[in-house]
Protein backbone atom coordinates (compact mmCIF):
# COMPACT_ATOMS: atom_id res chain seq x y z
CA MET A 1 20.95 -24.34 135.79
CA ARG A 2 23.02 -26.60 133.51
CA THR A 3 26.00 -26.28 135.85
CA VAL A 4 23.90 -27.35 138.83
CA LEU A 5 22.50 -30.31 136.85
CA LYS A 6 25.99 -31.44 135.82
CA LEU A 7 27.22 -31.17 139.41
CA SER A 8 24.26 -33.23 140.67
CA LEU A 9 24.89 -35.97 138.11
CA SER A 10 28.59 -36.08 138.97
CA VAL A 11 27.82 -36.54 142.67
CA ALA A 12 25.31 -39.28 141.85
CA PHE A 13 27.86 -41.22 139.77
CA VAL A 14 30.50 -40.97 142.52
CA VAL A 15 28.05 -42.25 145.16
CA ALA A 16 26.94 -45.08 142.89
CA GLY A 17 30.55 -46.00 142.26
CA PHE A 18 31.34 -46.23 145.97
CA SER A 19 28.22 -48.30 146.59
CA SER A 20 29.06 -50.71 143.78
CA ASN A 21 32.65 -51.11 144.91
CA ALA A 22 31.48 -51.80 148.45
CA GLN A 23 29.12 -54.54 147.27
CA ILE A 24 31.80 -56.14 145.12
CA GLY A 25 34.24 -55.98 148.03
CA ASP A 26 31.72 -57.72 150.28
CA LEU A 27 30.96 -60.31 147.66
CA LEU A 28 34.60 -61.25 147.16
CA ALA A 29 35.46 -61.25 150.86
CA PRO A 30 36.32 -64.69 152.36
CA PHE A 31 33.33 -66.52 153.81
CA ASP A 32 33.58 -66.45 157.61
CA CYS A 33 31.66 -69.40 159.01
CA ARG A 34 31.65 -67.97 162.53
CA LYS A 35 30.50 -64.53 161.41
CA HIS A 36 27.53 -65.94 159.52
CA ALA A 37 26.87 -68.95 161.71
CA GLU A 38 23.47 -67.63 162.79
CA TRP A 39 22.15 -68.43 159.32
CA PHE A 40 22.63 -72.09 160.02
CA HIS A 41 21.61 -72.19 163.66
CA GLU A 42 18.59 -69.94 164.07
CA GLU A 43 16.10 -72.46 162.71
CA PRO A 44 16.01 -75.65 160.62
CA VAL A 45 16.04 -75.15 156.88
CA GLU A 46 15.66 -77.43 153.90
CA ASP A 47 18.63 -78.19 151.65
CA ASN A 48 16.89 -76.62 148.65
CA VAL A 49 16.10 -73.35 150.43
CA VAL A 50 17.97 -70.41 148.96
CA ILE A 51 19.53 -68.17 151.60
CA PRO A 52 20.12 -64.46 150.85
CA TYR A 53 23.87 -63.94 151.00
CA ARG A 54 24.53 -60.47 149.62
CA ARG A 55 22.41 -57.94 147.80
CA GLY A 56 22.01 -59.19 144.26
CA PHE A 57 23.44 -62.63 145.11
CA SER A 58 22.08 -65.83 146.66
CA ALA A 59 23.52 -69.23 147.47
CA SER A 60 22.06 -72.55 148.59
CA ILE A 61 23.43 -74.33 151.65
CA ALA A 62 25.07 -76.90 149.38
CA ASP A 63 26.81 -74.13 147.44
CA VAL A 64 28.11 -72.50 150.62
CA ILE A 65 29.45 -75.79 152.01
CA GLU A 66 31.04 -76.63 148.67
CA ALA A 67 32.74 -73.24 148.61
CA ILE A 68 34.14 -73.75 152.10
CA ASP A 69 35.23 -77.34 151.53
CA THR A 70 38.37 -77.32 149.43
CA ALA A 71 39.00 -80.96 148.65
CA GLU A 72 42.71 -80.56 148.01
CA ALA A 73 43.51 -78.34 151.00
CA TRP A 74 45.30 -81.15 152.84
CA LYS A 75 47.97 -81.13 150.14
CA THR A 76 48.95 -77.59 151.13
CA TRP A 77 49.68 -78.51 154.76
CA SER A 78 53.29 -77.82 155.68
CA SER A 79 55.56 -80.71 156.60
CA VAL A 80 59.23 -81.38 157.27
CA GLN A 81 61.58 -84.29 156.67
CA ASN A 82 63.78 -86.28 159.00
CA TYR A 83 66.60 -84.46 160.82
CA THR A 84 65.09 -81.04 160.03
CA PHE A 85 65.45 -80.23 163.73
CA GLY A 86 68.61 -82.26 164.32
CA LYS A 87 67.00 -85.50 165.49
CA ASP A 88 66.12 -88.82 163.93
CA ARG A 89 62.33 -88.76 163.54
CA GLY A 90 61.91 -91.56 161.01
CA ALA A 91 61.57 -91.77 157.24
CA MET A 92 58.02 -90.43 156.90
CA ALA A 93 57.40 -86.70 156.73
CA MET A 94 56.11 -84.89 159.81
CA ILE A 95 53.05 -82.68 159.38
CA THR A 96 53.75 -79.27 160.95
CA ASP A 97 50.69 -77.30 159.87
CA LEU A 98 48.58 -75.84 162.67
CA ASP A 99 45.51 -76.12 160.42
CA ALA A 100 45.78 -79.88 160.91
CA LEU A 101 44.86 -79.51 164.60
CA HIS A 102 41.51 -79.51 166.39
CA PRO A 103 40.27 -75.87 166.18
CA TYR A 104 40.17 -75.29 169.95
CA PHE A 105 43.60 -76.82 170.52
CA ARG A 106 44.94 -74.95 167.48
CA ASP A 107 43.99 -71.63 169.08
CA LYS A 108 45.73 -72.68 172.31
CA ILE A 109 48.94 -73.45 170.43
CA LYS A 110 48.82 -70.17 168.55
CA GLN A 111 48.56 -68.42 171.91
CA LEU A 112 51.46 -70.50 173.25
CA VAL A 113 53.66 -69.33 170.37
CA ILE A 114 52.61 -65.71 170.96
CA ASP A 115 53.18 -65.90 174.74
CA CYS A 116 56.60 -67.52 174.33
CA ARG A 117 57.62 -64.92 171.76
CA ALA A 118 56.69 -62.21 174.25
CA LYS A 119 59.24 -63.80 176.57
CA GLY A 120 61.89 -63.84 173.85
CA ILE A 121 61.45 -67.53 173.02
CA GLU A 122 60.88 -68.58 169.42
CA LEU A 123 59.16 -71.92 168.92
CA ALA A 124 59.23 -74.13 165.84
CA ILE A 125 56.50 -76.66 165.14
CA VAL A 126 58.10 -80.10 164.89
CA GLU A 127 54.90 -82.11 164.40
CA SER A 128 51.18 -81.39 164.70
CA TYR A 129 48.75 -84.03 163.42
CA ARG A 130 50.26 -87.51 163.11
CA THR A 131 48.91 -90.40 161.06
CA HIS A 132 48.52 -93.94 162.36
CA ALA A 133 51.24 -94.97 159.92
CA LYS A 134 53.67 -92.41 161.34
CA GLN A 135 52.79 -93.44 164.89
CA ASN A 136 53.56 -97.06 164.00
CA GLU A 137 56.92 -95.94 162.64
CA TYR A 138 57.80 -94.32 165.96
CA LYS A 139 56.64 -97.43 167.81
CA THR A 140 59.08 -99.59 165.85
CA MET A 141 61.89 -97.14 166.68
CA GLY A 142 61.71 -97.94 170.39
CA LYS A 143 60.34 -96.68 173.70
CA LYS A 144 62.49 -93.56 173.68
CA TYR A 145 60.18 -92.34 170.91
CA THR A 146 56.79 -93.46 172.20
CA ASN A 147 54.97 -95.97 174.35
CA SER A 148 51.78 -95.60 172.31
CA GLY A 149 50.75 -97.57 169.27
CA ALA A 150 48.65 -96.28 166.39
CA GLY A 151 45.40 -94.70 167.52
CA ARG A 152 46.60 -94.33 171.11
CA SER A 153 48.38 -91.00 170.69
CA LYS A 154 46.61 -87.65 171.02
CA HIS A 155 48.39 -86.65 167.81
CA GLN A 156 46.02 -88.88 165.86
CA TYR A 157 43.10 -86.67 166.92
CA GLY A 158 44.68 -83.28 166.35
CA LEU A 159 44.99 -82.78 170.11
CA ALA A 160 48.76 -82.92 170.55
CA ILE A 161 51.80 -81.14 169.18
CA ASP A 162 55.60 -81.26 169.39
CA VAL A 163 57.59 -78.02 169.44
CA VAL A 164 61.20 -76.98 170.00
CA PRO A 165 62.81 -73.63 170.94
CA ILE A 166 65.00 -72.07 168.26
CA VAL A 167 68.11 -70.12 169.30
CA ASP A 168 70.31 -68.56 166.60
CA SER A 169 68.51 -70.66 163.97
CA VAL A 170 69.33 -73.90 165.81
CA ALA A 171 66.87 -76.25 167.56
CA VAL A 172 67.72 -76.41 171.27
CA TRP A 173 66.65 -79.73 172.80
CA ASP A 174 68.78 -79.96 175.96
CA ASN A 175 68.30 -76.62 177.77
CA VAL A 176 66.24 -77.66 180.82
CA ALA A 177 65.74 -74.09 182.04
CA LEU A 178 64.47 -72.98 178.66
CA TRP A 179 62.10 -75.95 178.44
CA ARG A 180 60.71 -75.13 181.86
CA LYS A 181 59.82 -71.62 180.73
CA VAL A 182 58.06 -73.04 177.68
CA GLY A 183 56.32 -75.75 179.69
CA VAL A 184 54.98 -73.44 182.37
CA THR A 185 53.71 -71.06 179.70
CA GLY A 186 51.77 -73.90 178.11
CA GLU A 187 50.38 -75.10 181.42
CA LYS A 188 49.02 -71.63 182.13
CA LEU A 189 46.94 -72.06 178.97
CA GLY A 190 45.49 -75.31 180.31
CA LEU A 191 47.74 -77.60 178.26
CA ARG A 192 49.29 -80.83 179.49
CA TRP A 193 53.09 -80.70 179.23
CA GLY A 194 55.23 -83.75 178.46
CA GLY A 195 58.07 -82.26 180.48
CA ARG A 196 56.29 -83.55 183.59
CA TRP A 197 56.57 -87.14 182.40
CA ARG A 198 59.35 -89.54 183.30
CA LYS A 199 58.94 -92.31 180.72
CA PRO A 200 59.37 -90.89 178.24
CA TYR A 201 60.48 -87.41 179.26
CA ASP A 202 59.04 -85.33 176.40
CA PRO A 203 59.45 -81.58 177.04
CA GLY A 204 58.50 -80.60 173.49
CA HIS A 205 55.09 -82.25 173.75
CA PHE A 206 51.82 -80.48 174.59
CA GLU A 207 48.33 -81.92 174.49
CA TRP A 208 44.76 -81.17 175.51
CA THR A 209 41.80 -83.55 175.73
CA GLY A 210 39.25 -81.71 177.84
CA GLY A 211 39.42 -84.49 180.41
CA LEU A 212 38.94 -87.35 177.95
CA THR A 213 41.16 -90.42 177.85
CA SER A 214 42.65 -92.27 174.88
CA LYS A 215 39.82 -94.78 175.28
CA HIS A 216 37.27 -92.01 174.63
CA LEU A 217 39.19 -90.78 171.62
CA THR A 218 39.52 -94.22 170.02
CA ALA A 219 35.76 -94.60 170.47
CA GLY A 220 35.23 -91.47 168.37
CA ILE A 221 34.44 -89.12 171.26
CA LEU A 222 36.08 -85.71 171.05
CA PRO A 223 36.17 -83.06 173.81
CA SER A 224 33.38 -80.51 173.94
CA VAL A 225 34.13 -76.81 173.57
CA PRO A 226 31.97 -73.69 174.03
CA GLN A 227 29.48 -73.60 171.14
CA THR A 228 29.40 -69.80 171.23
CA ASP A 229 33.13 -69.65 170.49
CA TYR A 230 33.13 -72.41 167.87
CA PRO A 231 29.70 -72.43 166.17
CA CYS A 232 31.08 -74.26 163.12
CA LEU A 233 33.02 -76.90 165.04
CA GLU A 234 31.19 -79.89 163.55
CA GLU A 235 31.78 -78.67 160.01
CA ASP A 236 35.44 -77.99 160.79
CA LEU A 237 35.94 -81.45 162.30
CA GLN A 238 34.19 -83.09 159.37
CA MET A 239 36.66 -81.50 156.97
CA LEU A 240 39.59 -82.30 159.25
CA ARG A 241 38.68 -85.99 159.35
CA LYS A 242 38.53 -85.97 155.59
CA TYR A 243 42.00 -84.41 155.33
CA TRP A 244 43.44 -86.70 158.00
CA LYS A 245 42.19 -89.67 156.01
CA GLU A 246 43.92 -88.42 152.86
CA TRP A 247 47.22 -88.12 154.72
CA GLU A 248 46.66 -91.55 156.22
CA VAL A 249 46.20 -93.12 152.80
CA THR A 250 49.32 -91.38 151.50
CA GLN A 251 51.61 -92.40 154.36
CA SER A 252 50.17 -95.89 154.66
CA ALA A 253 51.07 -96.45 151.02
CA MET A 254 54.70 -95.68 151.90
CA THR A 255 54.82 -98.54 154.39
CA ARG A 256 53.77 -101.02 151.69
CA ARG A 257 56.55 -100.09 149.27
């Protein structure tokens, strides 16, 4: 009888241990806005309402948003300096982080990189989001760099990117056949390719605006995307604008030195 009792208690402790570890694992898992988006979209709720989050844990909406919004995240965005890819791109750093892009466009670029790699082509990100200050710098460098002033480039809205193929660890800018393979791959994803342009010819440039023009973008209108695929788009864009502003302040300060 004692043996059976001991065995039963042992089994109970093991089960309890697994259950506890599972709850802790769930609690410490990263918060996935898309996965839990139904909490925020099923029905209106008050800011002071407490929403059940995990068993034995609750969080208010403000707490959840605060946890997601990392105020200093923009400082971790990757960037490169002039001549990193063998060309004069001005004195200001170029932001290369894909997290700096509009979420829908970001996913398109990730797929472009994957599709090119499947064809044996490695792409490097030359520049993703671009500040108004950086755009002005290009404008002063002449028409071979850009025809667009600050606020007129899709880069300023996270809807454009510059890439370059890498062969044997070297950026390859002048291989027309290679660029065509990259360009066609991007076009199949619904992206607009700068290799189709004449002035300036810009084969490393891809953009997407969902049919909107620069006039729409400067007016604060961004392209619409399927809500079912991006349920947290507004929250994401709100944070992006905040981070873009921080970069803008930093690079604008450089122009005043």
